[in-house]
Amino acid sequence: MSITAIETSTGATTVEAPAATSADLAARPSFLPLILDVAVPVGSYYLLKSGFGMSTMAALGWSSVVPAVRTVWSAVKERRANALAGLILFVNVVGLALSLVAGDPRLMLAKDSGVSSAIGIGILVSVKLGRPMMTAGMKPFLIKGDAAKNAAWDRLAAGSPRFRKAERTFSLVWGVVLLGECVARVVGAYTLPVDTMVWLGTVVMISSIAVAILVAGRLAVVPMEKMLENEVARTSQPKS
């Protein structure tokens, strides 16, 4: 590791501090994929629609540019599928299709659940393919920029079936809850008064997110945190 020398104003004392190496920086979790694949398209949609007054179709179309480019780039240049960018692109396409639906107020309420169902299906497919999509959002919060935890994550992901099961469970819970939210809102749209469902749909959405956070946290996040802590402690013990 390189050493950076820092001299005090008197010039009499020199304090040496370790400088971050490229390996240290590489070990730190990057939020850039989440920003590019999720925050940019979602934020641009609301900015274009609410800030610039674009139509829903125009806002969805323009906000699809970044995830579309990211998806194609990963497929052509990196020869892999970019799950997050692909999911956002899929959701936008579904939104574009649903934006053509008009007329029946109950159908208009039901179509709002289409985005949740698209996300839920995308997450469940990623679990089935062995690449749980929600890991990209969970991992940075669990390792918290700690290089030791990042290394522990890699070891557990490679050699611990229990850890991989918990990782899949996290995405599975979110996928099931989002699909359940979709079903609940569709049923409500056709069985409850329209005026009731207008505000109840939002309640159902917020409640579903809260349930997903609690259940996924209990079944996946807490066990994974403990496994990471145990793995870090195990590897940090001096060898006899």
C-alpha atoms as a PDB file:
ATOM      1  CA  MET A   1       0.000   0.000   0.000  1.00  0.00           C
ATOM      2  CA  SER A   2       1.381   3.441  -0.884  1.00  0.00           C
ATOM      3  CA  ILE A   3       2.190   5.951   1.818  1.00  0.00           C
ATOM      4  CA  THR A   4       1.298   9.627   1.722  1.00  0.00           C
ATOM      5  CA  ALA A   5       3.471  11.949   3.767  1.00  0.00           C
ATOM      6  CA  ILE A   6       1.811  15.007   5.306  1.00  0.00           C
ATOM      7  CA  GLU A   7       3.996  17.689   6.856  1.00  0.00           C
ATOM      8  CA  THR A   8       2.788  20.095   9.543  1.00  0.00           C
ATOM      9  CA  SER A   9       3.170  23.853   9.164  1.00  0.00           C
ATOM     10  CA  THR A  10       6.330  23.844  11.339  1.00  0.00           C
ATOM     11  CA  GLY A  11       8.005  21.349   9.049  1.00  0.00           C
ATOM     12  CA  ALA A  12       9.252  19.467  12.113  1.00  0.00           C
ATOM     13  CA  THR A  13       6.772  16.657  12.182  1.00  0.00           C
ATOM     14  CA  THR A  14       5.831  14.293   9.454  1.00  0.00           C
ATOM     15  CA  VAL A  15       2.680  12.187   9.762  1.00  0.00           C
ATOM     16  CA  GLU A  16       2.302   9.260   7.487  1.00  0.00           C
ATOM     17  CA  ALA A  17      -1.162   8.043   6.517  1.00  0.00           C
ATOM     18  CA  PRO A  18      -2.110   5.231   4.209  1.00  0.00           C
ATOM     19  CA  ALA A  19      -3.516   6.314   0.894  1.00  0.00           C
ATOM     20  CA  ALA A  20      -6.351   4.405  -0.686  1.00  0.00           C
ATOM     21  CA  THR A  21      -5.132   2.059  -3.383  1.00  0.00           C
ATOM     22  CA  SER A  22      -7.021   1.100  -6.509  1.00  0.00           C
ATOM     23  CA  ALA A  23      -7.792  -2.253  -4.878  1.00  0.00           C
ATOM     24  CA  ASP A  24      -9.338  -0.499  -1.875  1.00  0.00           C
ATOM     25  CA  LEU A  25     -11.461   1.678  -4.141  1.00  0.00           C
ATOM     26  CA  ALA A  26     -12.558  -1.282  -6.209  1.00  0.00           C
ATOM     27  CA  ALA A  27     -13.728  -3.082  -3.082  1.00  0.00           C
ATOM     28  CA  ARG A  28     -16.096  -0.297  -2.198  1.00  0.00           C
ATOM     29  CA  PRO A  29     -19.665  -0.784  -3.367  1.00  0.00           C
ATOM     30  CA  SER A  30     -20.735   1.417  -6.250  1.00  0.00           C
ATOM     31  CA  PHE A  31     -24.158   3.012  -6.371  1.00  0.00           C
ATOM     32  CA  LEU A  32     -23.544   4.060  -9.989  1.00  0.00           C
ATOM     33  CA  PRO A  33     -25.521   1.135 -11.494  1.00  0.00           C
ATOM     34  CA  LEU A  34     -28.523   1.977  -9.299  1.00  0.00           C
ATOM     35  CA  ILE A  35     -28.273   5.640 -10.273  1.00  0.00           C
ATOM     36  CA  LEU A  36     -27.995   4.962 -14.018  1.00  0.00           C
ATOM     37  CA  ASP A  37     -30.423   2.056 -14.217  1.00  0.00           C
ATOM     38  CA  VAL A  38     -33.127   3.206 -11.786  1.00  0.00           C
ATOM     39  CA  ALA A  39     -32.766   6.773 -10.497  1.00  0.00           C
ATOM     40  CA  VAL A  40     -32.058   8.430 -13.865  1.00  0.00           C
ATOM     41  CA  PRO A  41     -34.950   6.906 -15.853  1.00  0.00           C
ATOM     42  CA  VAL A  42     -37.477   7.172 -13.024  1.00  0.00           C
ATOM     43  CA  GLY A  43     -36.401  10.700 -12.121  1.00  0.00           C
ATOM     44  CA  SER A  44     -36.374  11.843 -15.740  1.00  0.00           C
ATOM     45  CA  TYR A  45     -39.880  10.471 -16.250  1.00  0.00           C
ATOM     46  CA  TYR A  46     -41.311  12.557 -13.409  1.00  0.00           C
ATOM     47  CA  LEU A  47     -39.225  15.578 -14.395  1.00  0.00           C
ATOM     48  CA  LEU A  48     -40.386  15.453 -18.017  1.00  0.00           C
ATOM     49  CA  LYS A  49     -44.011  14.742 -17.111  1.00  0.00           C
ATOM     50  CA  SER A  50     -44.497  17.053 -14.145  1.00  0.00           C
ATOM     51  CA  GLY A  51     -41.747  19.601 -14.691  1.00  0.00           C
ATOM     52  CA  PHE A  52     -41.926  20.066 -18.442  1.00  0.00           C
ATOM     53  CA  GLY A  53     -45.551  19.081 -18.984  1.00  0.00           C
ATOM     54  CA  MET A  54     -44.876  16.271 -21.431  1.00  0.00           C
ATOM     55  CA  SER A  55     -47.524  13.663 -22.108  1.00  0.00           C
ATOM     56  CA  THR A  56     -47.234  10.295 -20.380  1.00  0.00           C
ATOM     57  CA  MET A  57     -46.223   8.616 -23.628  1.00  0.00           C
ATOM     58  CA  ALA A  58     -43.549  11.218 -24.428  1.00  0.00           C
ATOM     59  CA  ALA A  59     -42.120  11.135 -20.894  1.00  0.00           C
ATOM     60  CA  LEU A  60     -42.009   7.334 -20.889  1.00  0.00           C
ATOM     61  CA  GLY A  61     -40.386   7.305 -24.309  1.00  0.00           C
ATOM     62  CA  TRP A  62     -37.623   9.771 -23.484  1.00  0.00           C
ATOM     63  CA  SER A  63     -36.974   8.255 -20.049  1.00  0.00           C
ATOM     64  CA  SER A  64     -36.446   4.884 -21.757  1.00  0.00           C
ATOM     65  CA  VAL A  65     -33.356   6.102 -23.633  1.00  0.00           C
ATOM     66  CA  VAL A  66     -30.824   5.475 -20.840  1.00  0.00           C
ATOM     67  CA  PRO A  67     -32.044   1.971 -19.858  1.00  0.00           C
ATOM     68  CA  ALA A  68     -32.329   1.053 -23.556  1.00  0.00           C
ATOM     69  CA  VAL A  69     -28.737   2.127 -24.221  1.00  0.00           C
ATOM     70  CA  ARG A  70     -27.529   0.365 -21.057  1.00  0.00           C
ATOM     71  CA  THR A  71     -29.339  -2.846 -22.005  1.00  0.00           C
ATOM     72  CA  VAL A  72     -27.963  -2.885 -25.560  1.00  0.00           C
ATOM     73  CA  TRP A  73     -24.448  -1.937 -24.386  1.00  0.00           C
ATOM     74  CA  SER A  74     -24.364  -4.777 -21.859  1.00  0.00           C
ATOM     75  CA  ALA A  75     -25.633  -7.278 -24.412  1.00  0.00           C
ATOM     76  CA  VAL A  76     -23.252  -6.248 -27.215  1.00  0.00           C
ATOM     77  CA  LYS A  77     -20.129  -4.965 -25.462  1.00  0.00           C
ATOM     78  CA  GLU A  78     -20.109  -6.862 -22.155  1.00  0.00           C
ATOM     79  CA  ARG A  79     -21.956  -9.956 -23.432  1.00  0.00           C
ATOM     80  CA  ARG A  80     -24.287 -10.099 -20.440  1.00  0.00           C
ATOM     81  CA  ALA A  81     -27.789  -9.026 -19.553  1.00  0.00           C
ATOM     82  CA  ASN A  82     -28.207  -5.852 -17.500  1.00  0.00           C
ATOM     83  CA  ALA A  83     -31.100  -6.934 -15.293  1.00  0.00           C
ATOM     84  CA  LEU A  84     -31.939  -3.572 -13.726  1.00  0.00           C
ATOM     85  CA  ALA A  85     -31.785  -1.587 -16.962  1.00  0.00           C
ATOM     86  CA  GLY A  86     -33.750  -4.289 -18.749  1.00  0.00           C
ATOM     87  CA  LEU A  87     -36.435  -4.280 -16.064  1.00  0.00           C
ATOM     88  CA  ILE A  88     -36.875  -0.500 -16.185  1.00  0.00           C
ATOM     89  CA  LEU A  89     -37.057  -0.654 -19.970  1.00  0.00           C
ATOM     90  CA  PHE A  90     -39.669  -3.418 -19.733  1.00  0.00           C
ATOM     91  CA  VAL A  91     -41.697  -1.399 -17.235  1.00  0.00           C
ATOM     92  CA  ASN A  92     -41.599   1.648 -19.515  1.00  0.00           C
ATOM     93  CA  VAL A  93     -42.774  -0.420 -22.478  1.00  0.00           C
ATOM     94  CA  VAL A  94     -45.642  -1.766 -20.373  1.00  0.00           C
ATOM     95  CA  GLY A  95     -46.441   1.783 -19.313  1.00  0.00           C
ATOM     96  CA  LEU A  96     -46.476   2.929 -22.935  1.00  0.00           C
ATOM     97  CA  ALA A  97     -48.876   0.125 -23.841  1.00  0.00           C
ATOM     98  CA  LEU A  98     -51.143   0.840 -20.896  1.00  0.00           C
ATOM     99  CA  SER A  99     -51.166   4.566 -21.627  1.00  0.00           C
ATOM    100  CA  LEU A 100     -53.185   3.727 -24.741  1.00  0.00           C
ATOM    101  CA  VAL A 101     -55.964   2.340 -22.556  1.00  0.00           C
ATOM    102  CA  ALA A 102     -58.752   4.827 -22.072  1.00  0.00           C
ATOM    103  CA  GLY A 103     -62.479   5.014 -21.443  1.00  0.00           C
ATOM    104  CA  ASP A 104     -63.749   2.792 -18.631  1.00  0.00           C
ATOM    105  CA  PRO A 105     -62.764   4.341 -15.259  1.00  0.00           C
ATOM    106  CA  ARG A 106     -62.425   0.899 -13.664  1.00  0.00           C
ATOM    107  CA  LEU A 107     -60.083  -0.193 -16.434  1.00  0.00           C
ATOM    108  CA  MET A 108     -58.087   3.003 -15.910  1.00  0.00           C
ATOM    109  CA  LEU A 109     -57.712   2.124 -12.209  1.00  0.00           C
ATOM    110  CA  ALA A 110     -56.775  -1.466 -12.983  1.00  0.00           C
ATOM    111  CA  LYS A 111     -54.082  -0.469 -15.472  1.00  0.00           C
ATOM    112  CA  ASP A 112     -52.177   1.366 -12.698  1.00  0.00           C
ATOM    113  CA  SER A 113     -51.268  -2.050 -11.292  1.00  0.00           C
ATOM    114  CA  GLY A 114     -49.574  -2.990 -14.564  1.00  0.00           C
ATOM    115  CA  VAL A 115     -46.255  -1.436 -13.548  1.00  0.00           C
ATOM    116  CA  SER A 116     -46.206  -3.377 -10.263  1.00  0.00           C
ATOM    117  CA  SER A 117     -46.942  -6.619 -12.066  1.00  0.00           C
ATOM    118  CA  ALA A 118     -44.195  -5.936 -14.626  1.00  0.00           C
ATOM    119  CA  ILE A 119     -41.641  -5.293 -11.887  1.00  0.00           C
ATOM    120  CA  GLY A 120     -42.818  -8.306  -9.883  1.00  0.00           C
ATOM    121  CA  ILE A 121     -42.603 -10.636 -12.877  1.00  0.00           C
ATOM    122  CA  GLY A 122     -39.166  -9.303 -13.793  1.00  0.00           C
ATOM    123  CA  ILE A 123     -37.879  -9.915 -10.256  1.00  0.00           C
ATOM    124  CA  LEU A 124     -39.306 -13.452 -10.102  1.00  0.00           C
ATOM    125  CA  VAL A 125     -37.779 -14.312 -13.487  1.00  0.00           C
ATOM    126  CA  SER A 126     -34.391 -13.082 -12.260  1.00  0.00           C
ATOM    127  CA  VAL A 127     -34.674 -15.408  -9.238  1.00  0.00           C
ATOM    128  CA  LYS A 128     -35.539 -18.319 -11.513  1.00  0.00           C
ATOM    129  CA  LEU A 129     -32.486 -17.547 -13.659  1.00  0.00           C
ATOM    130  CA  GLY A 130     -30.254 -17.497 -10.572  1.00  0.00           C
ATOM    131  CA  ARG A 131     -29.513 -13.763 -10.784  1.00  0.00           C
ATOM    132  CA  PRO A 132     -31.783 -12.211  -8.119  1.00  0.00           C
ATOM    133  CA  MET A 133     -32.358  -8.670  -9.270  1.00  0.00           C
ATOM    134  CA  MET A 134     -32.884  -7.020  -5.886  1.00  0.00           C
ATOM    135  CA  THR A 135     -29.337  -7.898  -4.823  1.00  0.00           C
ATOM    136  CA  ALA A 136     -28.050  -4.805  -6.631  1.00  0.00           C
ATOM    137  CA  GLY A 137     -30.011  -2.607  -4.245  1.00  0.00           C
ATOM    138  CA  MET A 138     -29.450  -4.680  -1.107  1.00  0.00           C
ATOM    139  CA  LYS A 139     -25.709  -5.383  -1.247  1.00  0.00           C
ATOM    140  CA  PRO A 140     -24.428  -1.785  -0.875  1.00  0.00           C
ATOM    141  CA  PHE A 141     -26.543  -1.278   2.237  1.00  0.00           C
ATOM    142  CA  LEU A 142     -25.346  -4.506   3.841  1.00  0.00           C
ATOM    143  CA  ILE A 143     -21.614  -4.132   3.247  1.00  0.00           C
ATOM    144  CA  LYS A 144     -21.674  -0.347   3.909  1.00  0.00           C
ATOM    145  CA  GLY A 145     -18.469   0.333   2.027  1.00  0.00           C
ATOM    146  CA  ASP A 146     -16.505  -2.114   4.193  1.00  0.00           C
ATOM    147  CA  ALA A 147     -13.874  -3.944   2.143  1.00  0.00           C
ATOM    148  CA  ALA A 148     -13.837  -6.852   4.624  1.00  0.00           C
ATOM    149  CA  LYS A 149     -17.603  -7.293   4.326  1.00  0.00           C
ATOM    150  CA  ASN A 150     -17.382  -7.016   0.558  1.00  0.00           C
ATOM    151  CA  ALA A 151     -14.832  -9.820   0.478  1.00  0.00           C
ATOM    152  CA  ALA A 152     -16.936 -11.826   2.940  1.00  0.00           C
ATOM    153  CA  TRP A 153     -19.964 -11.375   0.660  1.00  0.00           C
ATOM    154  CA  ASP A 154     -18.019 -12.760  -2.314  1.00  0.00           C
ATOM    155  CA  ARG A 155     -16.857 -15.781  -0.316  1.00  0.00           C
ATOM    156  CA  LEU A 156     -20.334 -16.532   1.019  1.00  0.00           C
ATOM    157  CA  ALA A 157     -21.965 -16.039  -2.376  1.00  0.00           C
ATOM    158  CA  ALA A 158     -19.505 -18.541  -3.843  1.00  0.00           C
ATOM    159  CA  GLY A 159     -19.532 -21.140  -1.082  1.00  0.00           C
ATOM    160  CA  SER A 160     -22.581 -20.837   1.164  1.00  0.00           C
ATOM    161  CA  PRO A 161     -25.895 -22.337  -0.024  1.00  0.00           C
ATOM    162  CA  ARG A 162     -27.628 -20.759   2.979  1.00  0.00           C
ATOM    163  CA  PHE A 163     -26.377 -17.300   2.015  1.00  0.00           C
ATOM    164  CA  ARG A 164     -27.442 -17.729  -1.610  1.00  0.00           C
ATOM    165  CA  LYS A 165     -30.858 -18.939  -0.479  1.00  0.00           C
ATOM    166  CA  ALA A 166     -31.320 -15.823   1.662  1.00  0.00           C
ATOM    167  CA  GLU A 167     -30.222 -13.682  -1.298  1.00  0.00           C
ATOM    168  CA  ARG A 168     -32.864 -15.321  -3.496  1.00  0.00           C
ATOM    169  CA  THR A 169     -35.458 -15.022  -0.754  1.00  0.00           C
ATOM    170  CA  PHE A 170     -35.016 -11.244  -0.623  1.00  0.00           C
ATOM    171  CA  SER A 171     -35.896 -10.880  -4.301  1.00  0.00           C
ATOM    172  CA  LEU A 172     -38.579 -13.562  -4.092  1.00  0.00           C
ATOM    173  CA  VAL A 173     -40.422 -11.705  -1.339  1.00  0.00           C
ATOM    174  CA  TRP A 174     -40.406  -8.463  -3.317  1.00  0.00           C
ATOM    175  CA  GLY A 175     -41.587 -10.185  -6.471  1.00  0.00           C
ATOM    176  CA  VAL A 176     -44.457 -11.980  -4.719  1.00  0.00           C
ATOM    177  CA  VAL A 177     -45.550  -8.876  -2.807  1.00  0.00           C
ATOM    178  CA  LEU A 178     -45.599  -6.713  -5.932  1.00  0.00           C
ATOM    179  CA  LEU A 179     -47.641  -9.305  -7.812  1.00  0.00           C
ATOM    180  CA  GLY A 180     -49.977  -9.543  -4.826  1.00  0.00           C
ATOM    181  CA  GLU A 181     -50.371  -5.773  -4.871  1.00  0.00           C
ATOM    182  CA  CYS A 182     -51.276  -5.956  -8.556  1.00  0.00           C
ATOM    183  CA  VAL A 183     -53.959  -8.586  -7.910  1.00  0.00           C
ATOM    184  CA  ALA A 184     -55.389  -6.632  -4.966  1.00  0.00           C
ATOM    185  CA  ARG A 185     -55.671  -3.426  -6.977  1.00  0.00           C
ATOM    186  CA  VAL A 186     -57.279  -5.156  -9.956  1.00  0.00           C
ATOM    187  CA  VAL A 187     -59.819  -6.881  -7.709  1.00  0.00           C
ATOM    188  CA  GLY A 188     -60.498  -3.609  -5.921  1.00  0.00           C
ATOM    189  CA  ALA A 189     -60.914  -1.732  -9.196  1.00  0.00           C
ATOM    190  CA  TYR A 190     -63.777  -4.023 -10.229  1.00  0.00           C
ATOM    191  CA  THR A 191     -65.422  -4.701  -6.859  1.00  0.00           C
ATOM    192  CA  LEU A 192     -65.202  -1.437  -4.914  1.00  0.00           C
ATOM    193  CA  PRO A 193     -66.653   1.997  -5.734  1.00  0.00           C
ATOM    194  CA  VAL A 194     -64.401   3.972  -8.064  1.00  0.00           C
ATOM    195  CA  ASP A 195     -64.123   6.875  -5.607  1.00  0.00           C
ATOM    196  CA  THR A 196     -62.956   4.486  -2.899  1.00  0.00           C
ATOM    197  CA  MET A 197     -60.365   2.786  -5.068  1.00  0.00           C
ATOM    198  CA  VAL A 198     -58.873   6.111  -6.164  1.00  0.00           C
ATOM    199  CA  TRP A 199     -57.374   6.632  -2.676  1.00  0.00           C
ATOM    200  CA  LEU A 200     -57.278   2.987  -1.588  1.00  0.00           C
ATOM    201  CA  GLY A 201     -54.961   2.086  -4.466  1.00  0.00           C
ATOM    202  CA  THR A 202     -52.273   4.323  -3.001  1.00  0.00           C
ATOM    203  CA  VAL A 203     -52.806   2.810   0.455  1.00  0.00           C
ATOM    204  CA  VAL A 204     -52.432  -0.687  -0.987  1.00  0.00           C
ATOM    205  CA  MET A 205     -49.203   0.291  -2.753  1.00  0.00           C
ATOM    206  CA  ILE A 206     -47.626   1.860   0.347  1.00  0.00           C
ATOM    207  CA  SER A 207     -48.753  -1.024   2.545  1.00  0.00           C
ATOM    208  CA  SER A 208     -47.300  -3.551   0.108  1.00  0.00           C
ATOM    209  CA  ILE A 209     -43.921  -1.825   0.130  1.00  0.00           C
ATOM    210  CA  ALA A 210     -43.944  -1.778   3.944  1.00  0.00           C
ATOM    211  CA  VAL A 211     -44.800  -5.493   4.054  1.00  0.00           C
ATOM    212  CA  ALA A 212     -42.029  -6.312   1.573  1.00  0.00           C
ATOM    213  CA  ILE A 213     -39.479  -4.374   3.618  1.00  0.00           C
ATOM    214  CA  LEU A 214     -40.484  -6.070   6.882  1.00  0.00           C
ATOM    215  CA  VAL A 215     -40.779  -9.620   5.547  1.00  0.00           C
ATOM    216  CA  ALA A 216     -37.673  -9.478   3.341  1.00  0.00           C
ATOM    217  CA  GLY A 217     -35.754  -7.923   6.206  1.00  0.00           C
ATOM    218  CA  ARG A 218     -36.768 -10.676   8.616  1.00  0.00           C
ATOM    219  CA  LEU A 219     -36.273 -13.592   6.237  1.00  0.00           C
ATOM    220  CA  ALA A 220     -33.220 -12.406   4.321  1.00  0.00           C
ATOM    221  CA  VAL A 221     -31.505  -9.211   5.467  1.00  0.00           C
ATOM    222  CA  VAL A 222     -31.105 -10.126   9.151  1.00  0.00           C
ATOM    223  CA  PRO A 223     -29.683 -13.630   8.466  1.00  0.00           C
ATOM    224  CA  MET A 224     -27.356 -12.266   5.790  1.00  0.00           C
ATOM    225  CA  GLU A 225     -26.074  -9.553   8.133  1.00  0.00           C
ATOM    226  CA  LYS A 226     -25.259 -12.180  10.760  1.00  0.00           C
ATOM    227  CA  MET A 227     -23.549 -14.432   8.226  1.00  0.00           C
ATOM    228  CA  LEU A 228     -21.449 -11.516   6.971  1.00  0.00           C
ATOM    229  CA  GLU A 229     -20.441 -10.543  10.512  1.00  0.00           C
ATOM    230  CA  ASN A 230     -19.520 -14.149  11.361  1.00  0.00           C
ATOM    231  CA  GLU A 231     -17.527 -14.521   8.157  1.00  0.00           C
ATOM    232  CA  VAL A 232     -15.609 -11.291   8.789  1.00  0.00           C
ATOM    233  CA  ALA A 233     -14.904 -12.356  12.374  1.00  0.00           C
ATOM    234  CA  ARG A 234     -13.770 -15.808  11.246  1.00  0.00           C
ATOM    235  CA  THR A 235     -11.314 -14.533   8.663  1.00  0.00           C
ATOM    236  CA  SER A 236      -9.976 -11.774  10.915  1.00  0.00           C
ATOM    237  CA  GLN A 237      -8.938 -14.188  13.656  1.00  0.00           C
ATOM    238  CA  PRO A 238      -5.148 -14.686  13.809  1.00  0.00           C
ATOM    239  CA  LYS A 239      -4.025 -18.094  12.628  1.00  0.00           C
ATOM    240  CA  SER A 240      -2.358 -20.220  15.264  1.00  0.00           C
END
